[in-house]
Amino acid sequence: MSARVVDVLPNGYLVVEGAREVRLNNENQTITITGIVRPVDISQNNVVLSSAISQMSVNVHGKGLVSQPLNPGWLFKILNGILPF
């Protein structure tokens, strides 16, 4: 995944952020990664291993049928009111 430097901390560490959109289960999902990288962990090919990213945060946000919440139908609500077990 590609990422970019969004901030440089006073100690020289880099705050990076990257995003990628993928299609999974007939749904578009956006994966966002943020974290802090030491400049010494960046290789000559401008690559950083995920194990070298501190305070890493991975967020997955989807849009589509899979991520929509399922609500019980009216029949289930009635039966659950009558037979609460």
PDB file of N, CA and C in Angstrom:
ATOM      1  N   MET A   1       0.848  -1.163   0.000  1.00  0.00           N
ATOM      2  CA  MET A   1       0.000   0.000   0.000  1.00  0.00           C
ATOM      3  C   MET A   1       0.896   1.229   0.000  1.00  0.00           C
ATOM      4  N   SER A   2       0.530   2.196  -0.772  1.00  0.00           N
ATOM      5  CA  SER A   2       1.282   3.446  -0.806  1.00  0.00           C
ATOM      6  C   SER A   2       0.786   4.375   0.292  1.00  0.00           C
ATOM      7  N   ALA A   3       1.706   5.143   0.831  1.00  0.00           N
ATOM      8  CA  ALA A   3       1.355   6.105   1.885  1.00  0.00           C
ATOM      9  C   ALA A   3       2.156   7.381   1.658  1.00  0.00           C
ATOM     10  N   ARG A   4       1.742   8.430   2.325  1.00  0.00           N
ATOM     11  CA  ARG A   4       2.454   9.704   2.213  1.00  0.00           C
ATOM     12  C   ARG A   4       2.695  10.270   3.600  1.00  0.00           C
ATOM     13  N   VAL A   5       3.684  11.111   3.702  1.00  0.00           N
ATOM     14  CA  VAL A   5       4.008  11.762   4.968  1.00  0.00           C
ATOM     15  C   VAL A   5       3.046  12.932   5.145  1.00  0.00           C
ATOM     16  N   VAL A   6       2.325  12.939   6.260  1.00  0.00           N
ATOM     17  CA  VAL A   6       1.377  14.019   6.524  1.00  0.00           C
ATOM     18  C   VAL A   6       1.883  14.980   7.589  1.00  0.00           C
ATOM     19  N   ASP A   7       2.918  14.569   8.332  1.00  0.00           N
ATOM     20  CA  ASP A   7       3.458  15.445   9.373  1.00  0.00           C
ATOM     21  C   ASP A   7       4.844  14.942   9.759  1.00  0.00           C
ATOM     22  N   VAL A   8       5.681  15.856  10.228  1.00  0.00           N
ATOM     23  CA  VAL A   8       6.994  15.513  10.764  1.00  0.00           C
ATOM     24  C   VAL A   8       7.006  15.947  12.222  1.00  0.00           C
ATOM     25  N   LEU A   9       7.256  15.008  13.121  1.00  0.00           N
ATOM     26  CA  LEU A   9       7.269  15.297  14.553  1.00  0.00           C
ATOM     27  C   LEU A   9       8.572  15.994  14.943  1.00  0.00           C
ATOM     28  N   PRO A  10       8.608  16.666  16.092  1.00  0.00           N
ATOM     29  CA  PRO A  10       9.829  17.376  16.517  1.00  0.00           C
ATOM     30  C   PRO A  10      11.060  16.468  16.637  1.00  0.00           C
ATOM     31  N   ASN A  11      10.869  15.189  16.912  1.00  0.00           N
ATOM     32  CA  ASN A  11      12.007  14.271  17.030  1.00  0.00           C
ATOM     33  C   ASN A  11      12.441  13.704  15.674  1.00  0.00           C
ATOM     34  N   GLY A  12      11.810  14.136  14.579  1.00  0.00           N
ATOM     35  CA  GLY A  12      12.181  13.699  13.244  1.00  0.00           C
ATOM     36  C   GLY A  12      11.380  12.515  12.727  1.00  0.00           C
ATOM     37  N   TYR A  13      10.560  11.923  13.570  1.00  0.00           N
ATOM     38  CA  TYR A  13       9.743  10.800  13.127  1.00  0.00           C
ATOM     39  C   TYR A  13       8.664  11.313  12.167  1.00  0.00           C
ATOM     40  N   LEU A  14       8.202  10.430  11.291  1.00  0.00           N
ATOM     41  CA  LEU A  14       7.251  10.806  10.251  1.00  0.00           C
ATOM     42  C   LEU A  14       5.880  10.196  10.522  1.00  0.00           C
ATOM     43  N   VAL A  15       4.852  10.994  10.401  1.00  0.00           N
ATOM     44  CA  VAL A  15       3.479  10.504  10.502  1.00  0.00           C
ATOM     45  C   VAL A  15       3.028  10.227   9.073  1.00  0.00           C
ATOM     46  N   VAL A  16       2.660   8.970   8.809  1.00  0.00           N
ATOM     47  CA  VAL A  16       2.274   8.575   7.458  1.00  0.00           C
ATOM     48  C   VAL A  16       0.809   8.159   7.426  1.00  0.00           C
ATOM     49  N   GLU A  17       0.234   8.274   6.224  1.00  0.00           N
ATOM     50  CA  GLU A  17      -1.159   7.901   6.023  1.00  0.00           C
ATOM     51  C   GLU A  17      -1.313   7.369   4.606  1.00  0.00           C
ATOM     52  N   GLY A  18      -2.039   6.277   4.483  1.00  0.00           N
ATOM     53  CA  GLY A  18      -2.294   5.703   3.168  1.00  0.00           C
ATOM     54  C   GLY A  18      -3.693   5.137   3.107  1.00  0.00           C
ATOM     55  N   ALA A  19      -4.247   5.114   1.897  1.00  0.00           N
ATOM     56  CA  ALA A  19      -5.598   4.585   1.716  1.00  0.00           C
ATOM     57  C   ALA A  19      -5.657   3.806   0.411  1.00  0.00           C
ATOM     58  N   ARG A  20      -6.501   2.782   0.416  1.00  0.00           N
ATOM     59  CA  ARG A  20      -6.711   1.978  -0.787  1.00  0.00           C
ATOM     60  C   ARG A  20      -8.160   1.524  -0.797  1.00  0.00           C
ATOM     61  N   GLU A  21      -8.749   1.566  -1.967  1.00  0.00           N
ATOM     62  CA  GLU A  21     -10.128   1.101  -2.112  1.00  0.00           C
ATOM     63  C   GLU A  21     -10.104  -0.267  -2.783  1.00  0.00           C
ATOM     64  N   VAL A  22     -10.807  -1.219  -2.175  1.00  0.00           N
ATOM     65  CA  VAL A  22     -10.885  -2.581  -2.716  1.00  0.00           C
ATOM     66  C   VAL A  22     -12.345  -2.996  -2.812  1.00  0.00           C
ATOM     67  N   ARG A  23     -12.612  -3.955  -3.685  1.00  0.00           N
ATOM     68  CA  ARG A  23     -13.962  -4.500  -3.819  1.00  0.00           C
ATOM     69  C   ARG A  23     -13.943  -5.907  -3.242  1.00  0.00           C
ATOM     70  N   LEU A  24     -14.765  -6.120  -2.214  1.00  0.00           N
ATOM     71  CA  LEU A  24     -14.811  -7.389  -1.512  1.00  0.00           C
ATOM     72  C   LEU A  24     -16.260  -7.704  -1.156  1.00  0.00           C
ATOM     73  N   ASN A  25     -16.701  -8.908  -1.439  1.00  0.00           N
ATOM     74  CA  ASN A  25     -18.081  -9.327  -1.154  1.00  0.00           C
ATOM     75  C   ASN A  25     -19.099  -8.395  -1.805  1.00  0.00           C
ATOM     76  N   ASN A  26     -18.858  -8.033  -3.061  1.00  0.00           N
ATOM     77  CA  ASN A  26     -19.749  -7.118  -3.803  1.00  0.00           C
ATOM     78  C   ASN A  26     -19.941  -5.791  -3.074  1.00  0.00           C
ATOM     79  N   GLU A  27     -18.896  -5.324  -2.446  1.00  0.00           N
ATOM     80  CA  GLU A  27     -18.958  -4.089  -1.673  1.00  0.00           C
ATOM     81  C   GLU A  27     -17.639  -3.348  -1.823  1.00  0.00           C
ATOM     82  N   ASN A  28     -17.713  -2.043  -2.003  1.00  0.00           N
ATOM     83  CA  ASN A  28     -16.509  -1.219  -2.042  1.00  0.00           C
ATOM     84  C   ASN A  28     -16.084  -0.895  -0.621  1.00  0.00           C
ATOM     85  N   GLN A  29     -14.829  -1.206  -0.305  1.00  0.00           N
ATOM     86  CA  GLN A  29     -14.303  -0.926   1.030  1.00  0.00           C
ATOM     87  C   GLN A  29     -13.053  -0.071   0.903  1.00  0.00           C
ATOM     88  N   THR A  30     -12.935   0.910   1.796  1.00  0.00           N
ATOM     89  CA  THR A  30     -11.757   1.758   1.841  1.00  0.00           C
ATOM     90  C   THR A  30     -10.950   1.385   3.075  1.00  0.00           C
ATOM     91  N   ILE A  31      -9.684   1.020   2.855  1.00  0.00           N
ATOM     92  CA  ILE A  31      -8.781   0.663   3.946  1.00  0.00           C
ATOM     93  C   ILE A  31      -7.823   1.822   4.138  1.00  0.00           C
ATOM     94  N   THR A  32      -7.778   2.369   5.353  1.00  0.00           N
ATOM     95  CA  THR A  32      -6.911   3.497   5.671  1.00  0.00           C
ATOM     96  C   THR A  32      -5.943   3.078   6.767  1.00  0.00           C
ATOM     97  N   ILE A  33      -4.667   3.374   6.547  1.00  0.00           N
ATOM     98  CA  ILE A  33      -3.629   3.062   7.530  1.00  0.00           C
ATOM     99  C   ILE A  33      -2.920   4.352   7.908  1.00  0.00           C
ATOM    100  N   THR A  34      -2.745   4.563   9.214  1.00  0.00           N
ATOM    101  CA  THR A  34      -1.965   5.694   9.712  1.00  0.00           C
ATOM    102  C   THR A  34      -0.984   5.171  10.754  1.00  0.00           C
ATOM    103  N   GLY A  35       0.125   5.871  10.913  1.00  0.00           N
ATOM    104  CA  GLY A  35       1.107   5.454  11.903  1.00  0.00           C
ATOM    105  C   GLY A  35       2.330   6.352  11.881  1.00  0.00           C
ATOM    106  N   ILE A  36       3.296   6.002  12.720  1.00  0.00           N
ATOM    107  CA  ILE A  36       4.528   6.773  12.867  1.00  0.00           C
ATOM    108  C   ILE A  36       5.698   5.904  12.429  1.00  0.00           C
ATOM    109  N   VAL A  37       6.583   6.489  11.604  1.00  0.00           N
ATOM    110  CA  VAL A  37       7.720   5.765  11.046  1.00  0.00           C
ATOM    111  C   VAL A  37       9.004   6.518  11.378  1.00  0.00           C
ATOM    112  N   ARG A  38      10.019   5.761  11.792  1.00  0.00           N
ATOM    113  CA  ARG A  38      11.346   6.359  11.990  1.00  0.00           C
ATOM    114  C   ARG A  38      12.031   6.460  10.625  1.00  0.00           C
ATOM    115  N   PRO A  39      12.731   7.539  10.352  1.00  0.00           N
ATOM    116  CA  PRO A  39      13.425   7.657   9.056  1.00  0.00           C
ATOM    117  C   PRO A  39      14.422   6.530   8.805  1.00  0.00           C
ATOM    118  N   VAL A  40      15.033   5.969   9.848  1.00  0.00           N
ATOM    119  CA  VAL A  40      16.001   4.881   9.654  1.00  0.00           C
ATOM    120  C   VAL A  40      15.329   3.586   9.205  1.00  0.00           C
ATOM    121  N   ASP A  41      14.018   3.472   9.376  1.00  0.00           N
ATOM    122  CA  ASP A  41      13.296   2.268   8.969  1.00  0.00           C
ATOM    123  C   ASP A  41      12.877   2.302   7.498  1.00  0.00           C
ATOM    124  N   ILE A  42      13.142   3.393   6.813  1.00  0.00           N
ATOM    125  CA  ILE A  42      12.803   3.498   5.395  1.00  0.00           C
ATOM    126  C   ILE A  42      13.971   2.951   4.580  1.00  0.00           C
ATOM    127  N   SER A  43      13.697   1.953   3.735  1.00  0.00           N
ATOM    128  CA  SER A  43      14.764   1.323   2.951  1.00  0.00           C
ATOM    129  C   SER A  43      15.187   2.234   1.797  1.00  0.00           C
ATOM    130  N   GLN A  44      16.234   1.832   1.082  1.00  0.00           N
ATOM    131  CA  GLN A  44      16.710   2.608  -0.067  1.00  0.00           C
ATOM    132  C   GLN A  44      15.675   2.631  -1.185  1.00  0.00           C
ATOM    133  N   ASN A  45      14.791   1.648  -1.207  1.00  0.00           N
ATOM    134  CA  ASN A  45      13.721   1.594  -2.209  1.00  0.00           C
ATOM    135  C   ASN A  45      12.474   2.348  -1.758  1.00  0.00           C
ATOM    136  N   ASN A  46      12.593   3.108  -0.680  1.00  0.00           N
ATOM    137  CA  ASN A  46      11.483   3.902  -0.132  1.00  0.00           C
ATOM    138  C   ASN A  46      10.346   3.002   0.357  1.00  0.00           C
ATOM    139  N   VAL A  47      10.700   1.885   1.011  1.00  0.00           N
ATOM    140  CA  VAL A  47       9.729   0.908   1.512  1.00  0.00           C
ATOM    141  C   VAL A  47       9.870   0.808   3.025  1.00  0.00           C
ATOM    142  N   VAL A  48       8.732   0.700   3.701  1.00  0.00           N
ATOM    143  CA  VAL A  48       8.700   0.511   5.153  1.00  0.00           C
ATOM    144  C   VAL A  48       7.886  -0.745   5.430  1.00  0.00           C
ATOM    145  N   LEU A  49       8.439  -1.657   6.213  1.00  0.00           N
ATOM    146  CA  LEU A  49       7.695  -2.849   6.605  1.00  0.00           C
ATOM    147  C   LEU A  49       6.588  -2.458   7.587  1.00  0.00           C
ATOM    148  N   SER A  50       5.471  -3.170   7.535  1.00  0.00           N
ATOM    149  CA  SER A  50       4.367  -2.857   8.443  1.00  0.00           C
ATOM    150  C   SER A  50       4.767  -3.061   9.898  1.00  0.00           C
ATOM    151  N   SER A  51       5.714  -3.957  10.157  1.00  0.00           N
ATOM    152  CA  SER A  51       6.167  -4.185  11.526  1.00  0.00           C
ATOM    153  C   SER A  51       6.989  -3.014  12.062  1.00  0.00           C
ATOM    154  N   ALA A  52       7.406  -2.100  11.188  1.00  0.00           N
ATOM    155  CA  ALA A  52       8.197  -0.938  11.608  1.00  0.00           C
ATOM    156  C   ALA A  52       7.342   0.310  11.793  1.00  0.00           C
ATOM    157  N   ILE A  53       6.036   0.183  11.666  1.00  0.00           N
ATOM    158  CA  ILE A  53       5.132   1.325  11.842  1.00  0.00           C
ATOM    159  C   ILE A  53       4.591   1.280  13.265  1.00  0.00           C
ATOM    160  N   SER A  54       4.917   2.298  14.054  1.00  0.00           N
ATOM    161  CA  SER A  54       4.423   2.326  15.432  1.00  0.00           C
ATOM    162  C   SER A  54       3.090   3.059  15.489  1.00  0.00           C
ATOM    163  N   GLN A  55       2.333   2.779  16.513  1.00  0.00           N
ATOM    164  CA  GLN A  55       1.009   3.361  16.728  1.00  0.00           C
ATOM    165  C   GLN A  55       0.151   3.250  15.469  1.00  0.00           C
ATOM    166  N   MET A  56       0.256   2.104  14.799  1.00  0.00           N
ATOM    167  CA  MET A  56      -0.466   1.895  13.548  1.00  0.00           C
ATOM    168  C   MET A  56      -1.949   1.721  13.806  1.00  0.00           C
ATOM    169  N   SER A  57      -2.726   2.358  12.975  1.00  0.00           N
ATOM    170  CA  SER A  57      -4.175   2.257  13.040  1.00  0.00           C
ATOM    171  C   SER A  57      -4.675   1.851  11.659  1.00  0.00           C
ATOM    172  N   VAL A  58      -5.514   0.813  11.609  1.00  0.00           N
ATOM    173  CA  VAL A  58      -6.088   0.344  10.360  1.00  0.00           C
ATOM    174  C   VAL A  58      -7.597   0.472  10.461  1.00  0.00           C
ATOM    175  N   ASN A  59      -8.185   1.220   9.548  1.00  0.00           N
ATOM    176  CA  ASN A  59      -9.636   1.404   9.518  1.00  0.00           C
ATOM    177  C   ASN A  59     -10.174   0.863   8.211  1.00  0.00           C
ATOM    178  N   VAL A  60     -11.272   0.113   8.289  1.00  0.00           N
ATOM    179  CA  VAL A  60     -11.940  -0.407   7.110  1.00  0.00           C
ATOM    180  C   VAL A  60     -13.347   0.153   7.105  1.00  0.00           C
ATOM    181  N   HIS A  61     -13.681   0.851   6.040  1.00  0.00           N
ATOM    182  CA  HIS A  61     -15.012   1.443   5.920  1.00  0.00           C
ATOM    183  C   HIS A  61     -15.621   0.956   4.616  1.00  0.00           C
ATOM    184  N   GLY A  62     -16.780   0.324   4.710  1.00  0.00           N
ATOM    185  CA  GLY A  62     -17.409  -0.233   3.522  1.00  0.00           C
ATOM    186  C   GLY A  62     -18.719   0.432   3.191  1.00  0.00           C
ATOM    187  N   LYS A  63     -19.050   0.391   1.897  1.00  0.00           N
ATOM    188  CA  LYS A  63     -20.337   0.880   1.431  1.00  0.00           C
ATOM    189  C   LYS A  63     -20.951  -0.210   0.577  1.00  0.00           C
ATOM    190  N   GLY A  64     -22.123  -0.653   0.988  1.00  0.00           N
ATOM    191  CA  GLY A  64     -22.793  -1.692   0.225  1.00  0.00           C
ATOM    192  C   GLY A  64     -23.715  -2.512   1.091  1.00  0.00           C
ATOM    193  N   LEU A  65     -24.199  -3.602   0.528  1.00  0.00           N
ATOM    194  CA  LEU A  65     -25.188  -4.436   1.203  1.00  0.00           C
ATOM    195  C   LEU A  65     -24.635  -5.113   2.445  1.00  0.00           C
ATOM    196  N   VAL A  66     -23.378  -5.538   2.423  1.00  0.00           N
ATOM    197  CA  VAL A  66     -22.806  -6.273   3.556  1.00  0.00           C
ATOM    198  C   VAL A  66     -22.685  -5.394   4.791  1.00  0.00           C
ATOM    199  N   SER A  67     -22.342  -4.119   4.618  1.00  0.00           N
ATOM    200  CA  SER A  67     -22.130  -3.255   5.776  1.00  0.00           C
ATOM    201  C   SER A  67     -23.416  -2.636   6.318  1.00  0.00           C
ATOM    202  N   GLN A  68     -24.540  -2.821   5.627  1.00  0.00           N
ATOM    203  CA  GLN A  68     -25.799  -2.281   6.120  1.00  0.00           C
ATOM    204  C   GLN A  68     -26.293  -3.127   7.285  1.00  0.00           C
ATOM    205  N   PRO A  69     -26.772  -2.494   8.341  1.00  0.00           N
ATOM    206  CA  PRO A  69     -27.264  -3.277   9.478  1.00  0.00           C
ATOM    207  C   PRO A  69     -28.548  -4.019   9.114  1.00  0.00           C
ATOM    208  N   LEU A  70     -28.711  -5.178   9.705  1.00  0.00           N
ATOM    209  CA  LEU A  70     -29.917  -5.964   9.477  1.00  0.00           C
ATOM    210  C   LEU A  70     -30.912  -5.670  10.589  1.00  0.00           C
ATOM    211  N   ASN A  71     -32.109  -5.314  10.203  1.00  0.00           N
ATOM    212  CA  ASN A  71     -33.171  -5.042  11.167  1.00  0.00           C
ATOM    213  C   ASN A  71     -34.180  -6.178  11.096  1.00  0.00           C
ATOM    214  N   PRO A  72     -34.661  -6.657  12.250  1.00  0.00           N
ATOM    215  CA  PRO A  72     -35.652  -7.732  12.219  1.00  0.00           C
ATOM    216  C   PRO A  72     -36.962  -7.245  11.609  1.00  0.00           C
ATOM    217  N   GLY A  73     -37.656  -8.162  10.960  1.00  0.00           N
ATOM    218  CA  GLY A  73     -38.930  -7.827  10.334  1.00  0.00           C
ATOM    219  C   GLY A  73     -40.054  -7.676  11.351  1.00  0.00           C
ATOM    220  N   TRP A  74     -41.214  -7.247  10.854  1.00  0.00           N
ATOM    221  CA  TRP A  74     -42.348  -6.986  11.739  1.00  0.00           C
ATOM    222  C   TRP A  74     -42.856  -8.272  12.401  1.00  0.00           C
ATOM    223  N   LEU A  75     -42.817  -9.418  11.681  1.00  0.00           N
ATOM    224  CA  LEU A  75     -43.295 -10.672  12.261  1.00  0.00           C
ATOM    225  C   LEU A  75     -42.412 -11.103  13.439  1.00  0.00           C
ATOM    226  N   PHE A  76     -41.113 -10.964  13.283  1.00  0.00           N
ATOM    227  CA  PHE A  76     -40.200 -11.311  14.368  1.00  0.00           C
ATOM    228  C   PHE A  76     -40.448 -10.432  15.590  1.00  0.00           C
ATOM    229  N   LYS A  77     -40.676  -9.143  15.378  1.00  0.00           N
ATOM    230  CA  LYS A  77     -40.926  -8.226  16.499  1.00  0.00           C
ATOM    231  C   LYS A  77     -42.209  -8.628  17.253  1.00  0.00           C
ATOM    232  N   ILE A  78     -43.247  -9.015  16.511  1.00  0.00           N
ATOM    233  CA  ILE A  78     -44.506  -9.418  17.151  1.00  0.00           C
ATOM    234  C   ILE A  78     -44.301 -10.712  17.945  1.00  0.00           C
ATOM    235  N   LEU A  79     -43.670 -11.713  17.318  1.00  0.00           N
ATOM    236  CA  LEU A  79     -43.448 -12.986  17.996  1.00  0.00           C
ATOM    237  C   LEU A  79     -42.519 -12.823  19.192  1.00  0.00           C
ATOM    238  N   ASN A  80     -41.541 -11.971  19.089  1.00  0.00           N
ATOM    239  CA  ASN A  80     -40.634 -11.732  20.204  1.00  0.00           C
ATOM    240  C   ASN A  80     -41.368 -11.037  21.355  1.00  0.00           C
ATOM    241  N   GLY A  81     -42.367 -10.235  21.054  1.00  0.00           N
ATOM    242  CA  GLY A  81     -43.167  -9.592  22.104  1.00  0.00           C
ATOM    243  C   GLY A  81     -44.065 -10.590  22.819  1.00  0.00           C
ATOM    244  N   ILE A  82     -44.591 -11.564  22.057  1.00  0.00           N
ATOM    245  CA  ILE A  82     -45.481 -12.571  22.633  1.00  0.00           C
ATOM    246  C   ILE A  82     -44.678 -13.662  23.346  1.00  0.00           C
ATOM    247  N   LEU A  83     -43.645 -14.164  22.692  1.00  0.00           N
ATOM    248  CA  LEU A  83     -42.807 -15.234  23.225  1.00  0.00           C
ATOM    249  C   LEU A  83     -41.392 -14.669  23.426  1.00  0.00           C
ATOM    250  N   PRO A  84     -41.135 -14.064  24.562  1.00  0.00           N
ATOM    251  CA  PRO A  84     -39.867 -13.350  24.733  1.00  0.00           C
ATOM    252  C   PRO A  84     -38.631 -14.220  24.905  1.00  0.00           C
ATOM    253  N   PHE A  85     -38.707 -15.506  24.715  1.00  0.00           N
ATOM    254  CA  PHE A  85     -37.523 -16.352  24.866  1.00  0.00           C
ATOM    255  C   PHE A  85     -37.086 -16.786  23.545  1.00  0.00           C
TER     256      PHE A  85
END
